[in-house]
Amino acid sequence: MNLIKKSIVVLKNYGVKIFIKKAIKFPINKINLLRQRKEEEKARKNPQKIIQILKSFSSNDPEEIFNFSWNFYSGLIRPTQIKEEFLELLKIFKELNPKYVLEIGTAKGGTLFCFCKLASDDATIISIDLPEGQFGGGYPEWKIPIYQAFAKENQKLYLLRKDSHS
């Protein structure tokens, strides 16, 4: 559906107020997307810089960890969850201090990053993601060393690019 048709649908279904909000956000979202792509390209070309920054980040504060992952390289490892909901989960996660973690669906790696930072220092963490899955899952191979940098020194992190149903 082209932009004009989408605009008409929004006007008909949601009214002028929502249309104006969306019209204002549209160029901002496009600029942010371009910024994200630019940062991702920089990360792909020079992953060592990214890895160094990720390895040096240390915190046990759920909100600080979330904010870092949200803002890092214009969203390179941004969680897809709603901030307020995810922060509540991270607070519980921190209290539990899990030694074993299984994540299904790595996406951009934001949840994995947060889980690694809040899990036990000697945790075993497994992340499963289907490359090019039906939900848009899968991450490119160049991100594997970046994701491995999430783990604390004594954690074991396994990144499985497989079908979680098999």
Foldseek 3Di string as FASTA:
>chain_A
DDPVVVLVVCCVPPNDVVSVVCVVCVVVVVVLVVQLVVLVVVCLVPVVVLLVVLLPDADQQLVVLQVCCCPPSSNQQHDPDDVVVVSVVLVVLLVVQAQEEEAEFCASNSVVLSNQRRHHLQHEYEYEWACCDPVRTRDDPSCVSSNVSSHHPNYHYHYHRDDPVD
